[in-house]
Amino acid sequence: MPFGMDLVALNTQRGRDHAIAPYNDLRSACGLPRAEDFDDLLDVIPRSGVQGQWRTSTPSLLAISERHASGAILGPTFRCIVADQFARLKQGDRFFYDLGGQPTSFSDEQLFEIRQMSWARVLCMTGDNLMYIQPLAFLQPRGLNERTTCDDPAIPQINLTPWQSRRSH
């Protein structure tokens, strides 16, 4: 396109197209108290945020105006919505790795080993010539999370024994 897009207008239209509930309803569904006036929003939205016609403002505009949780880029309403979406995706996926009772389900021992894996271990195993990484790979290296070698016990190896087939002799 030879020009930019108005993301606020686009999200407003998407909300109308998909019948997204008003912000107050979303806020209430996420465990926050319903707002009767603008001052009731000050628990999560700074006074300098959205003012005026807050009752008719789009949910995306109000939710994006919320103060971010510590260490996060979202406020309480969007965090709740994203968490709910991930939970529904997991519950609705019969092939999700930790759901039992399926022909392809992992054993308890296999699940234990999978849960011991970390993103740092995955990167060490699959990265081309990756030799150093911080144990908590999503966090910046500092303090107790300094970069270390991929062989360090702080980045546990996976034990593949539970996947070995047991043959009777």
N, C-alpha and C. Protein backbone atom coordinates (compact mmCIF):
# COMPACT_ATOMS: atom_id res chain seq x y z
N MET A 1 0.84 -1.19 0.00
CA MET A 1 0.00 0.00 0.00
C MET A 1 0.88 1.24 0.00
N PRO A 2 0.51 2.26 -0.73
CA PRO A 2 1.32 3.48 -0.77
C PRO A 2 1.11 4.38 0.44
N PHE A 3 0.26 3.96 1.40
CA PHE A 3 0.01 4.78 2.58
C PHE A 3 -0.20 3.87 3.78
N GLY A 4 -0.17 4.44 4.97
CA GLY A 4 -0.33 3.67 6.20
C GLY A 4 -1.77 3.28 6.46
N MET A 5 -1.95 2.52 7.52
CA MET A 5 -3.29 2.10 7.91
C MET A 5 -3.60 2.66 9.29
N ASP A 6 -4.86 2.86 9.56
CA ASP A 6 -5.31 3.33 10.87
C ASP A 6 -5.67 2.10 11.70
N LEU A 7 -4.72 1.64 12.54
CA LEU A 7 -4.92 0.42 13.31
C LEU A 7 -6.08 0.52 14.29
N VAL A 8 -6.26 1.69 14.87
CA VAL A 8 -7.38 1.88 15.81
C VAL A 8 -8.70 1.70 15.07
N ALA A 9 -8.82 2.31 13.90
CA ALA A 9 -10.06 2.17 13.12
C ALA A 9 -10.26 0.73 12.67
N LEU A 10 -9.17 0.09 12.25
CA LEU A 10 -9.26 -1.31 11.81
C LEU A 10 -9.71 -2.20 12.96
N ASN A 11 -9.12 -2.04 14.16
CA ASN A 11 -9.51 -2.85 15.31
C ASN A 11 -10.93 -2.55 15.77
N THR A 12 -11.35 -1.30 15.65
CA THR A 12 -12.73 -0.94 15.98
C THR A 12 -13.69 -1.68 15.06
N GLN A 13 -13.39 -1.68 13.77
CA GLN A 13 -14.26 -2.37 12.82
C GLN A 13 -14.24 -3.88 13.04
N ARG A 14 -13.07 -4.45 13.33
CA ARG A 14 -12.98 -5.89 13.62
C ARG A 14 -13.85 -6.24 14.82
N GLY A 15 -13.80 -5.39 15.85
CA GLY A 15 -14.61 -5.63 17.04
C GLY A 15 -16.09 -5.63 16.71
N ARG A 16 -16.51 -4.74 15.84
CA ARG A 16 -17.93 -4.69 15.43
C ARG A 16 -18.28 -5.90 14.57
N ASP A 17 -17.38 -6.26 13.64
CA ASP A 17 -17.63 -7.40 12.77
C ASP A 17 -17.80 -8.69 13.55
N HIS A 18 -17.03 -8.83 14.63
CA HIS A 18 -17.04 -10.07 15.40
C HIS A 18 -17.85 -9.97 16.69
N ALA A 19 -18.60 -8.89 16.84
CA ALA A 19 -19.48 -8.68 17.98
C ALA A 19 -18.74 -8.84 19.31
N ILE A 20 -17.56 -8.21 19.41
CA ILE A 20 -16.79 -8.23 20.65
C ILE A 20 -17.58 -7.45 21.71
N ALA A 21 -17.66 -8.03 22.89
CA ALA A 21 -18.41 -7.42 23.98
C ALA A 21 -17.78 -6.08 24.37
N PRO A 22 -18.58 -5.20 24.99
CA PRO A 22 -18.03 -3.93 25.47
C PRO A 22 -16.94 -4.18 26.52
N TYR A 23 -16.05 -3.22 26.68
CA TYR A 23 -14.93 -3.34 27.61
C TYR A 23 -15.40 -3.69 29.02
N ASN A 24 -16.46 -3.04 29.48
CA ASN A 24 -16.95 -3.29 30.84
C ASN A 24 -17.35 -4.76 31.02
N ASP A 25 -17.94 -5.37 30.00
CA ASP A 25 -18.31 -6.78 30.08
C ASP A 25 -17.06 -7.66 30.10
N LEU A 26 -16.07 -7.33 29.27
CA LEU A 26 -14.83 -8.10 29.25
C LEU A 26 -14.10 -7.96 30.59
N ARG A 27 -14.07 -6.75 31.08
CA ARG A 27 -13.43 -6.46 32.37
C ARG A 27 -14.09 -7.29 33.47
N SER A 28 -15.39 -7.33 33.49
CA SER A 28 -16.13 -8.08 34.50
C SER A 28 -15.88 -9.59 34.35
N ALA A 29 -15.87 -10.09 33.12
CA ALA A 29 -15.63 -11.51 32.88
C ALA A 29 -14.23 -11.92 33.32
N CYS A 30 -13.32 -10.96 33.37
CA CYS A 30 -11.94 -11.24 33.79
C CYS A 30 -11.73 -11.00 35.28
N GLY A 31 -12.81 -10.80 36.02
CA GLY A 31 -12.71 -10.70 37.47
C GLY A 31 -12.48 -9.30 38.01
N LEU A 32 -12.51 -8.30 37.14
CA LEU A 32 -12.39 -6.91 37.61
C LEU A 32 -13.79 -6.37 37.88
N PRO A 33 -13.93 -5.43 38.79
CA PRO A 33 -15.26 -4.87 39.05
C PRO A 33 -15.76 -4.05 37.87
N ARG A 34 -17.08 -4.09 37.65
CA ARG A 34 -17.68 -3.28 36.59
C ARG A 34 -17.48 -1.80 36.93
N ALA A 35 -17.26 -1.01 35.92
CA ALA A 35 -17.07 0.42 36.09
C ALA A 35 -18.40 1.14 35.88
N GLU A 36 -18.75 1.99 36.84
CA GLU A 36 -19.96 2.80 36.71
C GLU A 36 -19.63 4.18 36.16
N ASP A 37 -18.42 4.65 36.42
CA ASP A 37 -17.96 5.93 35.88
C ASP A 37 -16.46 5.82 35.61
N PHE A 38 -15.91 6.87 35.01
CA PHE A 38 -14.50 6.81 34.61
C PHE A 38 -13.58 6.57 35.79
N ASP A 39 -13.91 7.14 36.96
CA ASP A 39 -13.05 6.96 38.13
C ASP A 39 -12.93 5.48 38.52
N ASP A 40 -13.93 4.67 38.19
CA ASP A 40 -13.87 3.24 38.49
C ASP A 40 -12.83 2.51 37.64
N LEU A 41 -12.36 3.15 36.57
CA LEU A 41 -11.35 2.54 35.71
C LEU A 41 -9.94 2.84 36.18
N LEU A 42 -9.79 3.73 37.14
CA LEU A 42 -8.46 4.18 37.55
C LEU A 42 -7.66 3.08 38.24
N ASP A 43 -8.31 1.96 38.57
CA ASP A 43 -7.54 0.85 39.16
C ASP A 43 -6.59 0.24 38.13
N VAL A 44 -6.92 0.36 36.83
CA VAL A 44 -6.06 -0.23 35.81
C VAL A 44 -5.68 0.73 34.68
N ILE A 45 -6.41 1.83 34.54
CA ILE A 45 -6.13 2.79 33.47
C ILE A 45 -5.71 4.12 34.09
N PRO A 46 -4.56 4.66 33.70
CA PRO A 46 -4.15 5.95 34.25
C PRO A 46 -5.13 7.06 33.84
N ARG A 47 -5.24 8.07 34.69
CA ARG A 47 -6.17 9.18 34.41
C ARG A 47 -5.88 9.80 33.05
N SER A 48 -4.60 9.80 32.66
CA SER A 48 -4.24 10.38 31.36
C SER A 48 -4.59 9.47 30.20
N GLY A 49 -5.09 8.28 30.49
CA GLY A 49 -5.47 7.33 29.44
C GLY A 49 -6.72 7.80 28.72
N VAL A 50 -7.66 6.91 28.55
CA VAL A 50 -8.88 7.24 27.81
C VAL A 50 -9.85 7.96 28.73
N GLN A 51 -10.30 9.13 28.29
CA GLN A 51 -11.27 9.88 29.06
C GLN A 51 -12.47 10.19 28.17
N GLY A 52 -13.43 10.82 28.74
CA GLY A 52 -14.59 11.24 27.94
C GLY A 52 -15.56 10.10 27.74
N GLN A 53 -15.73 9.67 26.50
CA GLN A 53 -16.74 8.67 26.13
C GLN A 53 -16.25 7.25 26.39
N TRP A 54 -15.83 6.95 27.61
CA TRP A 54 -15.26 5.63 27.89
C TRP A 54 -16.29 4.52 27.74
N ARG A 55 -17.56 4.82 27.96
CA ARG A 55 -18.60 3.77 27.83
C ARG A 55 -18.75 3.29 26.39
N THR A 56 -18.46 4.17 25.44
CA THR A 56 -18.63 3.80 24.03
C THR A 56 -17.29 3.54 23.35
N SER A 57 -16.19 3.71 24.08
CA SER A 57 -14.88 3.43 23.48
C SER A 57 -14.75 1.94 23.19
N THR A 58 -13.96 1.63 22.19
CA THR A 58 -13.79 0.23 21.82
C THR A 58 -13.03 -0.53 22.90
N PRO A 59 -13.35 -1.82 23.06
CA PRO A 59 -12.63 -2.61 24.06
C PRO A 59 -11.12 -2.62 23.83
N SER A 60 -10.71 -2.67 22.57
CA SER A 60 -9.26 -2.72 22.30
C SER A 60 -8.59 -1.42 22.73
N LEU A 61 -9.24 -0.29 22.55
CA LEU A 61 -8.65 0.99 22.93
C LEU A 61 -8.52 1.10 24.45
N LEU A 62 -9.54 0.68 25.17
CA LEU A 62 -9.48 0.75 26.62
C LEU A 62 -8.50 -0.28 27.18
N ALA A 63 -8.54 -1.50 26.66
CA ALA A 63 -7.66 -2.55 27.18
C ALA A 63 -6.19 -2.23 26.92
N ILE A 64 -5.90 -1.63 25.78
CA ILE A 64 -4.51 -1.28 25.47
C ILE A 64 -4.04 -0.11 26.34
N SER A 65 -4.98 0.64 26.92
CA SER A 65 -4.64 1.76 27.78
C SER A 65 -4.35 1.32 29.21
N GLU A 66 -4.63 0.08 29.54
CA GLU A 66 -4.40 -0.41 30.90
C GLU A 66 -2.91 -0.41 31.24
N ARG A 67 -2.63 -0.20 32.52
CA ARG A 67 -1.24 -0.31 33.00
C ARG A 67 -0.79 -1.75 32.82
N HIS A 68 0.43 -1.91 32.34
CA HIS A 68 0.97 -3.25 32.14
C HIS A 68 1.29 -3.89 33.48
N ALA A 69 1.10 -5.18 33.56
CA ALA A 69 1.52 -5.91 34.75
C ALA A 69 3.05 -5.90 34.80
N SER A 70 3.60 -6.07 35.96
CA SER A 70 5.05 -6.07 36.12
C SER A 70 5.68 -7.14 35.24
N GLY A 71 6.63 -6.73 34.41
CA GLY A 71 7.32 -7.66 33.52
C GLY A 71 6.51 -8.09 32.32
N ALA A 72 5.37 -7.47 32.08
CA ALA A 72 4.49 -7.87 30.97
C ALA A 72 4.27 -6.68 30.04
N ILE A 73 3.70 -6.97 28.88
CA ILE A 73 3.35 -5.89 27.95
C ILE A 73 1.85 -5.71 27.84
N LEU A 74 1.09 -6.43 28.67
CA LEU A 74 -0.36 -6.32 28.65
C LEU A 74 -0.88 -6.01 30.04
N GLY A 75 -2.04 -5.38 30.07
CA GLY A 75 -2.73 -5.13 31.32
C GLY A 75 -3.62 -6.32 31.66
N PRO A 76 -4.40 -6.22 32.74
CA PRO A 76 -5.16 -7.37 33.23
C PRO A 76 -6.23 -7.90 32.27
N THR A 77 -6.90 -7.05 31.53
CA THR A 77 -7.96 -7.54 30.65
C THR A 77 -7.39 -8.32 29.47
N PHE A 78 -6.41 -7.76 28.76
CA PHE A 78 -5.82 -8.49 27.63
C PHE A 78 -5.09 -9.75 28.11
N ARG A 79 -4.45 -9.69 29.28
CA ARG A 79 -3.78 -10.90 29.80
C ARG A 79 -4.81 -12.00 30.04
N CYS A 80 -5.94 -11.64 30.58
CA CYS A 80 -7.02 -12.60 30.82
C CYS A 80 -7.53 -13.19 29.50
N ILE A 81 -7.74 -12.34 28.50
CA ILE A 81 -8.24 -12.80 27.20
C ILE A 81 -7.24 -13.72 26.52
N VAL A 82 -5.96 -13.34 26.54
CA VAL A 82 -4.92 -14.17 25.91
C VAL A 82 -4.81 -15.51 26.63
N ALA A 83 -4.82 -15.51 27.97
CA ALA A 83 -4.74 -16.75 28.74
C ALA A 83 -5.93 -17.66 28.43
N ASP A 84 -7.12 -17.07 28.35
CA ASP A 84 -8.32 -17.85 28.04
C ASP A 84 -8.21 -18.47 26.64
N GLN A 85 -7.70 -17.70 25.69
CA GLN A 85 -7.55 -18.22 24.32
C GLN A 85 -6.58 -19.39 24.29
N PHE A 86 -5.43 -19.27 24.97
CA PHE A 86 -4.47 -20.37 25.00
C PHE A 86 -5.06 -21.60 25.67
N ALA A 87 -5.79 -21.42 26.77
CA ALA A 87 -6.41 -22.56 27.45
C ALA A 87 -7.41 -23.26 26.54
N ARG A 88 -8.22 -22.49 25.82
CA ARG A 88 -9.21 -23.10 24.91
C ARG A 88 -8.53 -23.81 23.74
N LEU A 89 -7.44 -23.24 23.23
CA LEU A 89 -6.71 -23.90 22.15
C LEU A 89 -6.14 -25.24 22.63
N LYS A 90 -5.60 -25.25 23.82
CA LYS A 90 -5.03 -26.49 24.37
C LYS A 90 -6.14 -27.53 24.60
N GLN A 91 -7.21 -27.12 25.25
CA GLN A 91 -8.28 -28.07 25.57
C GLN A 91 -8.97 -28.60 24.32
N GLY A 92 -8.99 -27.81 23.28
CA GLY A 92 -9.66 -28.22 22.05
C GLY A 92 -8.78 -29.00 21.08
N ASP A 93 -7.51 -29.19 21.43
CA ASP A 93 -6.57 -29.88 20.54
C ASP A 93 -6.31 -31.27 21.08
N ARG A 94 -6.94 -32.28 20.48
CA ARG A 94 -6.78 -33.64 21.00
C ARG A 94 -5.37 -34.17 20.82
N PHE A 95 -4.55 -33.48 20.05
CA PHE A 95 -3.17 -33.90 19.88
C PHE A 95 -2.19 -33.09 20.75
N PHE A 96 -2.72 -32.22 21.63
CA PHE A 96 -1.82 -31.46 22.49
C PHE A 96 -1.00 -32.44 23.31
N TYR A 97 0.27 -32.16 23.47
CA TYR A 97 1.22 -33.15 23.95
C TYR A 97 0.91 -33.75 25.32
N ASP A 98 0.23 -33.01 26.21
CA ASP A 98 0.06 -33.57 27.55
C ASP A 98 -1.35 -34.08 27.85
N LEU A 99 -2.20 -34.16 26.83
CA LEU A 99 -3.52 -34.72 27.04
C LEU A 99 -3.44 -36.24 26.98
N GLY A 100 -3.98 -36.89 27.98
CA GLY A 100 -3.92 -38.35 28.05
C GLY A 100 -5.10 -39.01 27.39
N GLY A 101 -5.06 -40.33 27.38
CA GLY A 101 -6.20 -41.10 26.88
C GLY A 101 -6.29 -41.22 25.37
N GLN A 102 -5.27 -40.80 24.65
CA GLN A 102 -5.26 -40.89 23.19
C GLN A 102 -4.24 -41.95 22.78
N PRO A 103 -4.43 -42.57 21.62
CA PRO A 103 -3.44 -43.56 21.18
C PRO A 103 -2.02 -42.98 21.07
N THR A 104 -1.92 -41.69 20.85
CA THR A 104 -0.61 -41.06 20.69
C THR A 104 -0.11 -40.39 21.96
N SER A 105 -0.81 -40.57 23.08
CA SER A 105 -0.44 -39.90 24.33
C SER A 105 0.91 -40.38 24.84
N PHE A 106 1.63 -39.48 25.47
CA PHE A 106 2.89 -39.83 26.10
C PHE A 106 2.62 -40.52 27.43
N SER A 107 3.56 -41.36 27.86
CA SER A 107 3.46 -42.00 29.18
C SER A 107 3.79 -40.94 30.24
N ASP A 108 3.49 -41.26 31.49
CA ASP A 108 3.82 -40.34 32.58
C ASP A 108 5.32 -40.09 32.65
N GLU A 109 6.11 -41.13 32.42
CA GLU A 109 7.57 -40.99 32.45
C GLU A 109 8.05 -40.07 31.32
N GLN A 110 7.46 -40.23 30.15
CA GLN A 110 7.83 -39.38 29.02
C GLN A 110 7.45 -37.92 29.29
N LEU A 111 6.25 -37.72 29.83
CA LEU A 111 5.82 -36.36 30.16
C LEU A 111 6.74 -35.72 31.19
N PHE A 112 7.19 -36.51 32.17
CA PHE A 112 8.11 -35.99 33.17
C PHE A 112 9.37 -35.45 32.49
N GLU A 113 9.92 -36.21 31.57
CA GLU A 113 11.14 -35.79 30.87
C GLU A 113 10.88 -34.56 29.99
N ILE A 114 9.76 -34.55 29.32
CA ILE A 114 9.42 -33.40 28.47
C ILE A 114 9.33 -32.13 29.32
N ARG A 115 8.73 -32.26 30.49
CA ARG A 115 8.55 -31.09 31.37
C ARG A 115 9.87 -30.62 31.97
N GLN A 116 10.89 -31.46 31.96
CA GLN A 116 12.22 -31.05 32.43
C GLN A 116 12.95 -30.20 31.40
N MET A 117 12.49 -30.28 30.16
CA MET A 117 13.14 -29.52 29.09
C MET A 117 12.92 -28.03 29.30
N SER A 118 13.86 -27.26 28.82
CA SER A 118 13.73 -25.81 28.87
C SER A 118 13.98 -25.28 27.46
N TRP A 119 13.57 -24.06 27.24
CA TRP A 119 13.79 -23.45 25.94
C TRP A 119 15.29 -23.33 25.69
N ALA A 120 16.06 -23.10 26.74
CA ALA A 120 17.51 -23.04 26.58
C ALA A 120 18.05 -24.37 26.07
N ARG A 121 17.54 -25.50 26.59
CA ARG A 121 18.00 -26.81 26.13
C ARG A 121 17.62 -27.03 24.67
N VAL A 122 16.41 -26.64 24.29
CA VAL A 122 15.99 -26.78 22.89
C VAL A 122 16.92 -25.99 21.99
N LEU A 123 17.24 -24.76 22.38
CA LEU A 123 18.14 -23.94 21.58
C LEU A 123 19.53 -24.55 21.51
N CYS A 124 20.01 -25.08 22.64
CA CYS A 124 21.33 -25.72 22.63
C CYS A 124 21.35 -26.93 21.70
N MET A 125 20.28 -27.71 21.69
CA MET A 125 20.23 -28.93 20.88
C MET A 125 20.06 -28.63 19.39
N THR A 126 19.41 -27.53 19.07
CA THR A 126 19.06 -27.28 17.67
C THR A 126 19.80 -26.10 17.05
N GLY A 127 20.42 -25.27 17.87
CA GLY A 127 21.11 -24.10 17.35
C GLY A 127 22.41 -24.48 16.65
N ASP A 128 22.69 -23.84 15.56
CA ASP A 128 23.95 -24.08 14.84
C ASP A 128 25.10 -23.45 15.61
N ASN A 129 25.97 -24.30 16.15
CA ASN A 129 27.17 -23.85 16.87
C ASN A 129 26.86 -22.97 18.08
N LEU A 130 25.69 -23.15 18.69
CA LEU A 130 25.36 -22.40 19.90
C LEU A 130 26.10 -23.05 21.06
N MET A 131 26.93 -22.28 21.74
CA MET A 131 27.74 -22.84 22.82
C MET A 131 27.41 -22.24 24.18
N TYR A 132 26.85 -21.03 24.21
CA TYR A 132 26.54 -20.34 25.46
C TYR A 132 25.12 -19.79 25.40
N ILE A 133 24.44 -19.90 26.53
CA ILE A 133 23.08 -19.35 26.63
C ILE A 133 22.74 -19.20 28.10
N GLN A 134 21.83 -18.31 28.43
CA GLN A 134 21.37 -18.18 29.80
C GLN A 134 20.32 -19.27 30.06
N PRO A 135 20.30 -19.87 31.27
CA PRO A 135 19.34 -20.95 31.56
C PRO A 135 17.88 -20.56 31.32
N LEU A 136 17.51 -19.34 31.66
CA LEU A 136 16.15 -18.85 31.38
C LEU A 136 16.25 -18.04 30.09
N ALA A 137 16.13 -18.73 28.97
CA ALA A 137 16.46 -18.16 27.66
C ALA A 137 15.59 -16.95 27.29
N PHE A 138 14.37 -16.87 27.81
CA PHE A 138 13.50 -15.75 27.48
C PHE A 138 13.86 -14.48 28.26
N LEU A 139 14.68 -14.62 29.30
CA LEU A 139 15.05 -13.48 30.12
C LEU A 139 16.47 -13.04 29.79
N GLN A 140 16.73 -11.77 29.96
CA GLN A 140 18.06 -11.26 29.66
C GLN A 140 19.08 -11.84 30.63
N PRO A 141 20.30 -12.06 30.14
CA PRO A 141 21.33 -12.59 31.04
C PRO A 141 21.76 -11.54 32.06
N ARG A 142 21.56 -11.83 33.32
CA ARG A 142 22.01 -10.97 34.42
C ARG A 142 21.75 -11.69 35.73
N GLY A 143 22.54 -11.36 36.72
CA GLY A 143 22.37 -11.95 38.05
C GLY A 143 22.54 -13.46 38.02
N LEU A 144 21.53 -14.18 38.48
CA LEU A 144 21.58 -15.64 38.52
C LEU A 144 21.29 -16.27 37.16
N ASN A 145 21.06 -15.46 36.16
CA ASN A 145 20.72 -15.96 34.82
C ASN A 145 21.81 -15.59 33.80
N GLU A 146 23.07 -15.65 34.22
CA GLU A 146 24.16 -15.34 33.30
C GLU A 146 24.33 -16.45 32.28
N ARG A 147 24.89 -16.11 31.13
CA ARG A 147 25.15 -17.10 30.10
C ARG A 147 26.11 -18.16 30.63
N THR A 148 25.87 -19.39 30.21
CA THR A 148 26.71 -20.52 30.60
C THR A 148 26.83 -21.45 29.40
N THR A 149 27.65 -22.46 29.52
CA THR A 149 27.80 -23.40 28.41
C THR A 149 26.57 -24.29 28.31
N CYS A 150 26.34 -24.82 27.15
CA CYS A 150 25.20 -25.72 26.95
C CYS A 150 25.37 -27.03 27.71
N ASP A 151 26.59 -27.33 28.17
CA ASP A 151 26.83 -28.55 28.94
C ASP A 151 26.59 -28.36 30.44
N ASP A 152 26.33 -27.15 30.86
CA ASP A 152 26.15 -26.85 32.28
C ASP A 152 24.90 -27.56 32.81
N PRO A 153 24.95 -28.15 34.02
CA PRO A 153 23.77 -28.80 34.62
C PRO A 153 22.60 -27.84 34.84
N ALA A 154 22.85 -26.53 34.80
CA ALA A 154 21.76 -25.56 34.93
C ALA A 154 20.80 -25.64 33.75
N ILE A 155 21.26 -26.27 32.67
CA ILE A 155 20.41 -26.49 31.48
C ILE A 155 20.30 -28.01 31.32
N PRO A 156 19.33 -28.63 32.03
CA PRO A 156 19.27 -30.09 32.08
C PRO A 156 19.12 -30.75 30.71
N GLN A 157 19.76 -31.89 30.56
CA GLN A 157 19.63 -32.73 29.37
C GLN A 157 18.33 -33.54 29.49
N ILE A 158 17.80 -33.97 28.37
CA ILE A 158 16.63 -34.83 28.40
C ILE A 158 17.09 -36.29 28.45
N ASN A 159 16.42 -37.07 29.25
CA ASN A 159 16.69 -38.50 29.35
C ASN A 159 15.72 -39.21 28.40
N LEU A 160 16.25 -39.85 27.37
CA LEU A 160 15.40 -40.49 26.35
C LEU A 160 15.06 -41.95 26.69
N THR A 161 15.48 -42.42 27.86
CA THR A 161 15.20 -43.80 28.25
C THR A 161 13.69 -44.13 28.20
N PRO A 162 12.80 -43.25 28.64
CA PRO A 162 11.37 -43.60 28.58
C PRO A 162 10.83 -43.85 27.17
N TRP A 163 11.58 -43.48 26.14
CA TRP A 163 11.13 -43.72 24.77
C TRP A 163 11.69 -45.03 24.20
N GLN A 164 12.62 -45.67 24.91
CA GLN A 164 13.17 -46.93 24.43
C GLN A 164 12.12 -48.01 24.57
N SER A 165 11.95 -48.78 23.50
CA SER A 165 10.97 -49.86 23.58
C SER A 165 11.56 -50.99 24.42
N ARG A 166 10.75 -51.57 25.23
CA ARG A 166 11.17 -52.66 26.10
C ARG A 166 10.76 -53.97 25.43
N ARG A 167 11.77 -54.72 25.03
CA ARG A 167 11.50 -56.00 24.37
C ARG A 167 11.72 -57.13 25.36
N SER A 168 10.82 -58.04 25.35
CA SER A 168 11.01 -59.20 26.23
C SER A 168 12.00 -60.16 25.60
N HIS A 169 12.83 -60.79 26.41
CA HIS A 169 13.87 -61.68 25.91
C HIS A 169 13.38 -63.09 25.88
